[in-house]
PDB file of all heavy atoms in Angstrom:
ATOM      1  N   LEU A   1     -22.933  -5.739  -7.816  1.00  0.00           N
ATOM      2  CA  LEU A   1     -21.978  -4.856  -8.314  1.00  0.00           C
ATOM      3  C   LEU A   1     -21.886  -3.432  -7.595  1.00  0.00           C
ATOM      4  O   LEU A   1     -20.883  -2.916  -7.281  1.00  0.00           O
ATOM      5  CB  LEU A   1     -22.130  -4.530  -9.765  1.00  0.00           C
ATOM      6  CG  LEU A   1     -21.852  -5.769 -10.690  1.00  0.00           C
ATOM      7  CD1 LEU A   1     -22.284  -5.616 -12.093  1.00  0.00           C
ATOM      8  CD2 LEU A   1     -20.341  -6.212 -10.624  1.00  0.00           C
ATOM      9  N   ARG A   2     -23.186  -2.938  -7.211  1.00  0.00           N
ATOM     10  CA  ARG A   2     -23.248  -1.628  -6.473  1.00  0.00           C
ATOM     11  C   ARG A   2     -22.674  -1.944  -5.128  1.00  0.00           C
ATOM     12  O   ARG A   2     -21.951  -0.906  -4.587  1.00  0.00           O
ATOM     13  CB  ARG A   2     -24.696  -1.315  -6.414  1.00  0.00           C
ATOM     14  CG  ARG A   2     -25.281  -0.729  -7.653  1.00  0.00           C
ATOM     15  CD  ARG A   2     -26.743  -0.447  -7.445  1.00  0.00           C
ATOM     16  NE  ARG A   2     -27.434  -0.246  -8.748  1.00  0.00           N
ATOM     17  CZ  ARG A   2     -27.600   0.926  -9.252  1.00  0.00           C
ATOM     18  NH1 ARG A   2     -27.103   2.071  -8.682  1.00  0.00           N
ATOM     19  NH2 ARG A   2     -28.175   1.096 -10.310  1.00  0.00           N
ATOM     20  N   ALA A   3     -22.910  -2.947  -4.412  1.00  0.00           N
ATOM     21  CA  ALA A   3     -22.245  -3.199  -3.088  1.00  0.00           C
ATOM     22  C   ALA A   3     -20.753  -3.291  -3.193  1.00  0.00           C
ATOM     23  O   ALA A   3     -20.028  -2.798  -2.356  1.00  0.00           O
ATOM     24  CB  ALA A   3     -22.831  -4.453  -2.533  1.00  0.00           C
ATOM     25  N   GLU A   4     -20.302  -4.058  -4.283  1.00  0.00           N
ATOM     26  CA  GLU A   4     -18.724  -4.020  -4.407  1.00  0.00           C
ATOM     27  C   GLU A   4     -18.265  -2.751  -4.645  1.00  0.00           C
ATOM     28  O   GLU A   4     -17.134  -2.334  -4.149  1.00  0.00           O
ATOM     29  CB  GLU A   4     -18.517  -5.051  -5.635  1.00  0.00           C
ATOM     30  CG  GLU A   4     -16.908  -5.264  -5.786  1.00  0.00           C
ATOM     31  CD  GLU A   4     -16.768  -6.152  -6.934  1.00  0.00           C
ATOM     32  OE1 GLU A   4     -17.609  -6.982  -7.374  1.00  0.00           O
ATOM     33  OE2 GLU A   4     -15.526  -6.047  -7.457  1.00  0.00           O
ATOM     34  N   LEU A   5     -18.825  -1.866  -5.487  1.00  0.00           N
ATOM     35  CA  LEU A   5     -18.381  -0.642  -5.821  1.00  0.00           C
ATOM     36  C   LEU A   5     -18.373   0.341  -4.616  1.00  0.00           C
ATOM     37  O   LEU A   5     -17.386   1.024  -4.307  1.00  0.00           O
ATOM     38  CB  LEU A   5     -19.288   0.100  -6.986  1.00  0.00           C
ATOM     39  CG  LEU A   5     -18.829   1.330  -7.489  1.00  0.00           C
ATOM     40  CD1 LEU A   5     -17.394   1.315  -8.134  1.00  0.00           C
ATOM     41  CD2 LEU A   5     -19.750   1.888  -8.552  1.00  0.00           C
ATOM     42  N   ALA A   6     -19.464   0.247  -3.842  1.00  0.00           N
ATOM     43  CA  ALA A   6     -19.472   1.042  -2.536  1.00  0.00           C
ATOM     44  C   ALA A   6     -18.351   0.626  -1.644  1.00  0.00           C
ATOM     45  O   ALA A   6     -17.720   1.432  -0.990  1.00  0.00           O
ATOM     46  CB  ALA A   6     -20.925   0.826  -1.887  1.00  0.00           C
ATOM     47  N   TRP A   7     -18.077  -0.673  -1.618  1.00  0.00           N
ATOM     48  CA  TRP A   7     -17.018  -1.267  -0.676  1.00  0.00           C
ATOM     49  C   TRP A   7     -15.688  -0.710  -1.177  1.00  0.00           C
ATOM     50  O   TRP A   7     -14.855  -0.263  -0.352  1.00  0.00           O
ATOM     51  CB  TRP A   7     -17.024  -2.687  -0.647  1.00  0.00           C
ATOM     52  CG  TRP A   7     -15.814  -3.215   0.188  1.00  0.00           C
ATOM     53  CD1 TRP A   7     -15.838  -3.438   1.507  1.00  0.00           C
ATOM     54  CD2 TRP A   7     -14.596  -3.614  -0.331  1.00  0.00           C
ATOM     55  NE1 TRP A   7     -14.530  -3.949   1.814  1.00  0.00           N
ATOM     56  CE2 TRP A   7     -13.786  -4.095   0.727  1.00  0.00           C
ATOM     57  CE3 TRP A   7     -13.980  -3.842  -1.612  1.00  0.00           C
ATOM     58  CZ2 TRP A   7     -12.514  -4.613   0.646  1.00  0.00           C
ATOM     59  CZ3 TRP A   7     -12.775  -4.254  -1.765  1.00  0.00           C
ATOM     60  CH2 TRP A   7     -11.993  -4.613  -0.562  1.00  0.00           C
ATOM     61  N   ARG A   8     -15.462  -0.790  -2.428  1.00  0.00           N
ATOM     62  CA  ARG A   8     -14.216  -0.136  -3.012  1.00  0.00           C
ATOM     63  C   ARG A   8     -13.976   1.285  -2.821  1.00  0.00           C
ATOM     64  O   ARG A   8     -12.891   1.784  -2.444  1.00  0.00           O
ATOM     65  CB  ARG A   8     -14.045  -0.395  -4.460  1.00  0.00           C
ATOM     66  CG  ARG A   8     -13.756  -1.876  -4.920  1.00  0.00           C
ATOM     67  CD  ARG A   8     -13.828  -2.106  -6.389  1.00  0.00           C
ATOM     68  NE  ARG A   8     -13.740  -3.622  -6.595  1.00  0.00           N
ATOM     69  CZ  ARG A   8     -12.618  -4.127  -7.107  1.00  0.00           C
ATOM     70  NH1 ARG A   8     -11.563  -3.344  -7.500  1.00  0.00           N
ATOM     71  NH2 ARG A   8     -12.647  -5.356  -7.401  1.00  0.00           N
ATOM     72  N   ARG A   9     -15.087   2.018  -2.858  1.00  0.00           N
ATOM     73  CA  ARG A   9     -14.953   3.492  -2.562  1.00  0.00           C
ATOM     74  C   ARG A   9     -14.700   3.740  -1.057  1.00  0.00           C
ATOM     75  O   ARG A   9     -13.814   4.658  -0.812  1.00  0.00           O
ATOM     76  CB  ARG A   9     -16.255   4.203  -2.887  1.00  0.00           C
ATOM     77  CG  ARG A   9     -16.369   4.400  -4.398  1.00  0.00           C
ATOM     78  CD  ARG A   9     -17.711   5.109  -4.713  1.00  0.00           C
ATOM     79  NE  ARG A   9     -17.840   5.270  -6.192  1.00  0.00           N
ATOM     80  CZ  ARG A   9     -18.920   5.425  -6.746  1.00  0.00           C
ATOM     81  NH1 ARG A   9     -20.046   5.557  -6.096  1.00  0.00           N
ATOM     82  NH2 ARG A   9     -18.962   5.632  -8.067  1.00  0.00           N
ATOM     83  N   ARG A  10     -15.268   2.911  -0.152  1.00  0.00           N
ATOM     84  CA  ARG A  10     -14.946   3.033   1.227  1.00  0.00           C
ATOM     85  C   ARG A  10     -13.592   2.644   1.529  1.00  0.00           C
ATOM     86  O   ARG A  10     -12.865   3.249   2.457  1.00  0.00           O
ATOM     87  CB  ARG A  10     -15.964   2.257   2.102  1.00  0.00           C
ATOM     88  CG  ARG A  10     -17.306   2.823   2.261  1.00  0.00           C
ATOM     89  CD  ARG A  10     -18.134   2.218   3.280  1.00  0.00           C
ATOM     90  NE  ARG A  10     -18.045   0.601   3.123  1.00  0.00           N
ATOM     91  CZ  ARG A  10     -18.842  -0.190   2.551  1.00  0.00           C
ATOM     92  NH1 ARG A  10     -19.789   0.393   1.858  1.00  0.00           N
ATOM     93  NH2 ARG A  10     -18.790  -1.490   2.405  1.00  0.00           N
ATOM     94  N   ALA A  11     -12.971   1.657   0.920  1.00  0.00           N
ATOM     95  CA  ALA A  11     -11.777   0.984   1.256  1.00  0.00           C
ATOM     96  C   ALA A  11     -10.569   1.572   0.412  1.00  0.00           C
ATOM     97  O   ALA A  11      -9.499   1.123   0.561  1.00  0.00           O
ATOM     98  CB  ALA A  11     -11.740  -0.443   1.113  1.00  0.00           C
ATOM     99  N   GLU A  12     -10.922   2.547  -0.445  1.00  0.00           N
ATOM    100  CA  GLU A  12      -9.912   2.983  -1.455  1.00  0.00           C
ATOM    101  C   GLU A  12      -8.676   3.665  -0.678  1.00  0.00           C
ATOM    102  O   GLU A  12      -7.484   3.423  -1.063  1.00  0.00           O
ATOM    103  CB  GLU A  12     -10.526   4.058  -2.297  1.00  0.00           C
ATOM    104  CG  GLU A  12      -9.560   4.613  -3.415  1.00  0.00           C
ATOM    105  CD  GLU A  12     -10.325   5.509  -4.348  1.00  0.00           C
ATOM    106  OE1 GLU A  12     -11.467   6.011  -4.062  1.00  0.00           O
ATOM    107  OE2 GLU A  12      -9.764   5.801  -5.401  1.00  0.00           O
ATOM    108  N   SER A  13      -8.856   4.430   0.313  1.00  0.00           N
ATOM    109  CA  SER A  13      -7.876   5.035   1.014  1.00  0.00           C
ATOM    110  C   SER A  13      -6.995   4.039   1.767  1.00  0.00           C
ATOM    111  O   SER A  13      -5.755   4.273   1.874  1.00  0.00           O
ATOM    112  CB  SER A  13      -8.298   6.194   1.919  1.00  0.00           C
ATOM    113  OG  SER A  13      -9.078   5.595   2.872  1.00  0.00           O
ATOM    114  N   THR A  14      -7.567   3.070   2.291  1.00  0.00           N
ATOM    115  CA  THR A  14      -6.931   1.999   3.042  1.00  0.00           C
ATOM    116  C   THR A  14      -6.028   1.347   1.972  1.00  0.00           C
ATOM    117  O   THR A  14      -4.774   1.059   2.425  1.00  0.00           O
ATOM    118  CB  THR A  14      -7.830   1.070   3.727  1.00  0.00           C
ATOM    119  OG1 THR A  14      -8.822   1.763   4.565  1.00  0.00           O
ATOM    120  CG2 THR A  14      -7.115   0.075   4.545  1.00  0.00           C
ATOM    121  N   HIS A  15      -6.479   0.960   0.884  1.00  0.00           N
ATOM    122  CA  HIS A  15      -5.667   0.288  -0.179  1.00  0.00           C
ATOM    123  C   HIS A  15      -4.458   0.938  -0.565  1.00  0.00           C
ATOM    124  O   HIS A  15      -3.405   0.571  -0.670  1.00  0.00           O
ATOM    125  CB  HIS A  15      -6.509  -0.208  -1.265  1.00  0.00           C
ATOM    126  CG  HIS A  15      -7.452  -1.390  -0.937  1.00  0.00           C
ATOM    127  ND1 HIS A  15      -7.004  -2.664  -0.630  1.00  0.00           N
ATOM    128  CD2 HIS A  15      -8.782  -1.436  -0.858  1.00  0.00           C
ATOM    129  CE1 HIS A  15      -8.067  -3.460  -0.369  1.00  0.00           C
ATOM    130  NE2 HIS A  15      -9.146  -2.700  -0.494  1.00  0.00           N
ATOM    131  N   THR A  16      -4.714   2.286  -0.817  1.00  0.00           N
ATOM    132  CA  THR A  16      -3.745   3.218  -1.269  1.00  0.00           C
ATOM    133  C   THR A  16      -2.631   3.269  -0.084  1.00  0.00           C
ATOM    134  O   THR A  16      -1.451   3.234  -0.383  1.00  0.00           O
ATOM    135  CB  THR A  16      -4.308   4.516  -1.567  1.00  0.00           C
ATOM    136  OG1 THR A  16      -5.265   4.370  -2.576  1.00  0.00           O
ATOM    137  CG2 THR A  16      -3.150   5.484  -2.045  1.00  0.00           C
ATOM    138  N   GLY A  17      -3.096   3.421   1.142  1.00  0.00           N
ATOM    139  CA  GLY A  17      -2.127   3.583   2.247  1.00  0.00           C
ATOM    140  C   GLY A  17      -1.342   2.283   2.354  1.00  0.00           C
ATOM    141  O   GLY A  17      -0.086   2.375   2.559  1.00  0.00           O
ATOM    142  N   ARG A  18      -1.944   1.154   2.237  1.00  0.00           N
ATOM    143  CA  ARG A  18      -1.232  -0.179   2.301  1.00  0.00           C
ATOM    144  C   ARG A  18      -0.170  -0.314   1.219  1.00  0.00           C
ATOM    145  O   ARG A  18       0.917  -0.743   1.403  1.00  0.00           O
ATOM    146  CB  ARG A  18      -2.107  -1.268   2.348  1.00  0.00           C
ATOM    147  CG  ARG A  18      -2.922  -1.489   3.555  1.00  0.00           C
ATOM    148  CD  ARG A  18      -3.763  -2.730   3.463  1.00  0.00           C
ATOM    149  NE  ARG A  18      -4.740  -2.705   4.447  1.00  0.00           N
ATOM    150  CZ  ARG A  18      -5.987  -3.463   4.407  1.00  0.00           C
ATOM    151  NH1 ARG A  18      -6.188  -4.144   3.222  1.00  0.00           N
ATOM    152  NH2 ARG A  18      -6.889  -3.360   5.279  1.00  0.00           N
ATOM    153  N   TYR A  19      -0.525   0.184   0.013  1.00  0.00           N
ATOM    154  CA  TYR A  19       0.297   0.051  -1.095  1.00  0.00           C
ATOM    155  C   TYR A  19       1.615   1.004  -0.850  1.00  0.00           C
ATOM    156  O   TYR A  19       2.635   0.544  -1.020  1.00  0.00           O
ATOM    157  CB  TYR A  19      -0.472   0.616  -2.282  1.00  0.00           C
ATOM    158  CG  TYR A  19       0.443   0.603  -3.534  1.00  0.00           C
ATOM    159  CD1 TYR A  19       0.675  -0.611  -4.276  1.00  0.00           C
ATOM    160  CD2 TYR A  19       0.993   1.842  -4.017  1.00  0.00           C
ATOM    161  CE1 TYR A  19       1.552  -0.490  -5.515  1.00  0.00           C
ATOM    162  CE2 TYR A  19       1.723   1.868  -5.126  1.00  0.00           C
ATOM    163  CZ  TYR A  19       2.170   0.765  -5.873  1.00  0.00           C
ATOM    164  OH  TYR A  19       2.818   0.778  -6.967  1.00  0.00           O
ATOM    165  N   VAL A  20       1.383   2.201  -0.442  1.00  0.00           N
ATOM    166  CA  VAL A  20       2.390   3.216  -0.180  1.00  0.00           C
ATOM    167  C   VAL A  20       3.275   2.548   0.961  1.00  0.00           C
ATOM    168  O   VAL A  20       4.611   2.696   0.874  1.00  0.00           O
ATOM    169  CB  VAL A  20       1.899   4.540   0.102  1.00  0.00           C
ATOM    170  CG1 VAL A  20       3.021   5.400   0.617  1.00  0.00           C
ATOM    171  CG2 VAL A  20       1.214   5.156  -1.116  1.00  0.00           C
ATOM    172  N   ALA A  21       2.681   2.158   2.015  1.00  0.00           N
ATOM    173  CA  ALA A  21       3.448   1.574   3.146  1.00  0.00           C
ATOM    174  C   ALA A  21       4.341   0.458   2.737  1.00  0.00           C
ATOM    175  O   ALA A  21       5.490   0.216   3.070  1.00  0.00           O
ATOM    176  CB  ALA A  21       2.529   1.265   4.224  1.00  0.00           C
ATOM    177  N   GLY A  22       3.668  -0.548   1.922  1.00  0.00           N
ATOM    178  CA  GLY A  22       4.442  -1.639   1.392  1.00  0.00           C
ATOM    179  C   GLY A  22       5.602  -1.236   0.588  1.00  0.00           C
ATOM    180  O   GLY A  22       6.719  -1.818   0.750  1.00  0.00           O
ATOM    181  N   ARG A  23       5.405  -0.413  -0.371  1.00  0.00           N
ATOM    182  CA  ARG A  23       6.541   0.010  -1.216  1.00  0.00           C
ATOM    183  C   ARG A  23       7.607   0.712  -0.487  1.00  0.00           C
ATOM    184  O   ARG A  23       8.690   0.522  -0.626  1.00  0.00           O
ATOM    185  CB  ARG A  23       5.967   0.998  -2.302  1.00  0.00           C
ATOM    186  CG  ARG A  23       5.066   0.284  -3.283  1.00  0.00           C
ATOM    187  CD  ARG A  23       5.836  -0.731  -4.120  1.00  0.00           C
ATOM    188  NE  ARG A  23       4.913  -1.402  -4.979  1.00  0.00           N
ATOM    189  CZ  ARG A  23       5.138  -2.446  -5.611  1.00  0.00           C
ATOM    190  NH1 ARG A  23       6.165  -3.106  -5.303  1.00  0.00           N
ATOM    191  NH2 ARG A  23       4.137  -3.072  -6.443  1.00  0.00           N
ATOM    192  N   THR A  24       7.208   1.605   0.493  1.00  0.00           N
ATOM    193  CA  THR A  24       8.211   2.281   1.379  1.00  0.00           C
ATOM    194  C   THR A  24       8.980   1.256   2.143  1.00  0.00           C
ATOM    195  O   THR A  24      10.256   1.395   2.220  1.00  0.00           O
ATOM    196  CB  THR A  24       7.381   3.259   2.240  1.00  0.00           C
ATOM    197  OG1 THR A  24       6.655   4.191   1.492  1.00  0.00           O
ATOM    198  CG2 THR A  24       8.415   3.994   3.190  1.00  0.00           C
ATOM    199  N   ALA A  25       8.413   0.276   2.710  1.00  0.00           N
ATOM    200  CA  ALA A  25       9.210  -0.747   3.465  1.00  0.00           C
ATOM    201  C   ALA A  25       9.984  -1.425   2.700  1.00  0.00           C
ATOM    202  O   ALA A  25      11.186  -1.780   2.976  1.00  0.00           O
ATOM    203  CB  ALA A  25       8.119  -1.736   4.211  1.00  0.00           C
ATOM    204  N   ALA A  26       9.545  -1.869   1.377  1.00  0.00           N
ATOM    205  CA  ALA A  26      10.396  -2.783   0.534  1.00  0.00           C
ATOM    206  C   ALA A  26      11.676  -1.845   0.091  1.00  0.00           C
ATOM    207  O   ALA A  26      12.855  -2.355   0.061  1.00  0.00           O
ATOM    208  CB  ALA A  26       9.660  -3.129  -0.678  1.00  0.00           C
ATOM    209  N   TRP A  27      11.530  -0.647  -0.285  1.00  0.00           N
ATOM    210  CA  TRP A  27      12.624   0.260  -0.622  1.00  0.00           C
ATOM    211  C   TRP A  27      13.525   0.478   0.526  1.00  0.00           C
ATOM    212  O   TRP A  27      14.858   0.534   0.377  1.00  0.00           O
ATOM    213  CB  TRP A  27      12.188   1.489  -1.305  1.00  0.00           C
ATOM    214  CG  TRP A  27      11.799   1.353  -2.726  1.00  0.00           C
ATOM    215  CD1 TRP A  27      10.515   1.213  -3.315  1.00  0.00           C
ATOM    216  CD2 TRP A  27      12.667   1.124  -3.837  1.00  0.00           C
ATOM    217  NE1 TRP A  27      10.570   1.038  -4.637  1.00  0.00           N
ATOM    218  CE2 TRP A  27      11.780   0.957  -4.984  1.00  0.00           C
ATOM    219  CE3 TRP A  27      14.069   1.046  -3.926  1.00  0.00           C
ATOM    220  CZ2 TRP A  27      12.372   0.670  -6.293  1.00  0.00           C
ATOM    221  CZ3 TRP A  27      14.550   0.794  -5.279  1.00  0.00           C
ATOM    222  CH2 TRP A  27      13.712   0.645  -6.301  1.00  0.00           C
ATOM    223  N   SER A  28      12.989   0.689   1.783  1.00  0.00           N
ATOM    224  CA  SER A  28      13.822   0.933   2.802  1.00  0.00           C
ATOM    225  C   SER A  28      14.694  -0.346   3.249  1.00  0.00           C
ATOM    226  O   SER A  28      15.927  -0.120   3.554  1.00  0.00           O
ATOM    227  CB  SER A  28      12.943   1.171   4.201  1.00  0.00           C
ATOM    228  OG  SER A  28      12.172   2.349   3.899  1.00  0.00           O
ATOM    229  N   ILE A  29      14.130  -1.553   3.117  1.00  0.00           N
ATOM    230  CA  ILE A  29      14.935  -2.750   3.345  1.00  0.00           C
ATOM    231  C   ILE A  29      16.024  -2.845   2.325  1.00  0.00           C
ATOM    232  O   ILE A  29      17.199  -3.130   2.626  1.00  0.00           O
ATOM    233  CB  ILE A  29      13.999  -3.901   3.285  1.00  0.00           C
ATOM    234  CG1 ILE A  29      13.177  -3.850   4.667  1.00  0.00           C
ATOM    235  CG2 ILE A  29      14.812  -5.232   3.303  1.00  0.00           C
ATOM    236  CD1 ILE A  29      12.040  -4.915   4.607  1.00  0.00           C
ATOM    237  N   LEU A  30      15.723  -2.559   1.076  1.00  0.00           N
ATOM    238  CA  LEU A  30      16.754  -2.628  -0.048  1.00  0.00           C
ATOM    239  C   LEU A  30      17.837  -1.603   0.128  1.00  0.00           C
ATOM    240  O   LEU A  30      19.004  -1.983   0.073  1.00  0.00           O
ATOM    241  CB  LEU A  30      16.054  -2.406  -1.397  1.00  0.00           C
ATOM    242  CG  LEU A  30      17.004  -2.511  -2.579  1.00  0.00           C
ATOM    243  CD1 LEU A  30      17.500  -3.971  -2.791  1.00  0.00           C
ATOM    244  CD2 LEU A  30      16.263  -2.094  -3.811  1.00  0.00           C
ATOM    245  N   ILE A  31      17.447  -0.484   0.499  1.00  0.00           N
ATOM    246  CA  ILE A  31      18.541   0.692   0.627  1.00  0.00           C
ATOM    247  C   ILE A  31      19.389   0.222   1.886  1.00  0.00           C
ATOM    248  O   ILE A  31      20.544   0.424   1.911  1.00  0.00           O
ATOM    249  CB  ILE A  31      17.850   2.068   0.832  1.00  0.00           C
ATOM    250  CG1 ILE A  31      17.282   2.357  -0.677  1.00  0.00           C
ATOM    251  CG2 ILE A  31      18.761   3.020   1.254  1.00  0.00           C
ATOM    252  CD1 ILE A  31      16.414   3.596  -0.532  1.00  0.00           C
ATOM    253  N   GLY A  32      18.688  -0.107   2.980  1.00  0.00           N
ATOM    254  CA  GLY A  32      19.495  -0.583   4.166  1.00  0.00           C
ATOM    255  C   GLY A  32      20.376  -1.704   3.916  1.00  0.00           C
ATOM    256  O   GLY A  32      21.620  -1.670   4.406  1.00  0.00           O
ATOM    257  N   ALA A  33      20.046  -2.697   3.060  1.00  0.00           N
ATOM    258  CA  ALA A  33      20.949  -3.858   2.786  1.00  0.00           C
ATOM    259  C   ALA A  33      22.036  -3.330   1.915  1.00  0.00           C
ATOM    260  O   ALA A  33      23.239  -3.769   2.176  1.00  0.00           O
ATOM    261  CB  ALA A  33      20.145  -4.946   1.938  1.00  0.00           C
ATOM    262  N   ILE A  34      21.915  -2.465   1.000  1.00  0.00           N
ATOM    263  CA  ILE A  34      22.984  -1.857   0.117  1.00  0.00           C
ATOM    264  C   ILE A  34      23.935  -1.098   1.070  1.00  0.00           C
ATOM    265  O   ILE A  34      25.148  -1.177   0.958  1.00  0.00           O
ATOM    266  CB  ILE A  34      22.385  -1.032  -0.907  1.00  0.00           C
ATOM    267  CG1 ILE A  34      21.734  -1.847  -1.975  1.00  0.00           C
ATOM    268  CG2 ILE A  34      23.514  -0.166  -1.562  1.00  0.00           C
ATOM    269  CD1 ILE A  34      20.919  -1.087  -3.107  1.00  0.00           C
ATOM    270  N   PHE A  35      23.434  -0.312   1.884  1.00  0.00           N
ATOM    271  CA  PHE A  35      24.220   0.450   2.922  1.00  0.00           C
ATOM    272  C   PHE A  35      25.033  -0.352   3.772  1.00  0.00           C
ATOM    273  O   PHE A  35      26.210  -0.195   3.942  1.00  0.00           O
ATOM    274  CB  PHE A  35      23.287   1.309   3.824  1.00  0.00           C
ATOM    275  CG  PHE A  35      23.977   2.097   4.788  1.00  0.00           C
ATOM    276  CD1 PHE A  35      24.753   3.243   4.436  1.00  0.00           C
ATOM    277  CD2 PHE A  35      24.024   1.709   6.130  1.00  0.00           C
ATOM    278  CE1 PHE A  35      25.467   3.969   5.456  1.00  0.00           C
ATOM    279  CE2 PHE A  35      24.722   2.478   7.045  1.00  0.00           C
ATOM    280  CZ  PHE A  35      25.564   3.444   6.762  1.00  0.00           C
ATOM    281  N   LEU A  36      24.280  -1.475   4.337  1.00  0.00           N
ATOM    282  CA  LEU A  36      25.184  -2.351   5.185  1.00  0.00           C
ATOM    283  C   LEU A  36      26.215  -3.088   4.425  1.00  0.00           C
ATOM    284  O   LEU A  36      27.390  -3.302   4.984  1.00  0.00           O
ATOM    285  CB  LEU A  36      24.224  -3.389   5.851  1.00  0.00           C
ATOM    286  CG  LEU A  36      23.296  -2.736   6.964  1.00  0.00           C
ATOM    287  CD1 LEU A  36      22.435  -3.842   7.471  1.00  0.00           C
ATOM    288  CD2 LEU A  36      24.176  -2.230   8.152  1.00  0.00           C
TER     289      LEU A  36
END
């Protein structure tokens, strides 16, 4: 559990970045489709 917690703390910013990038890409595609 300590190792898992340490890994989550190290990878937290990466996961947050991936989440934001994924949501941004999804919304960009949706807005682009509506625009087109």
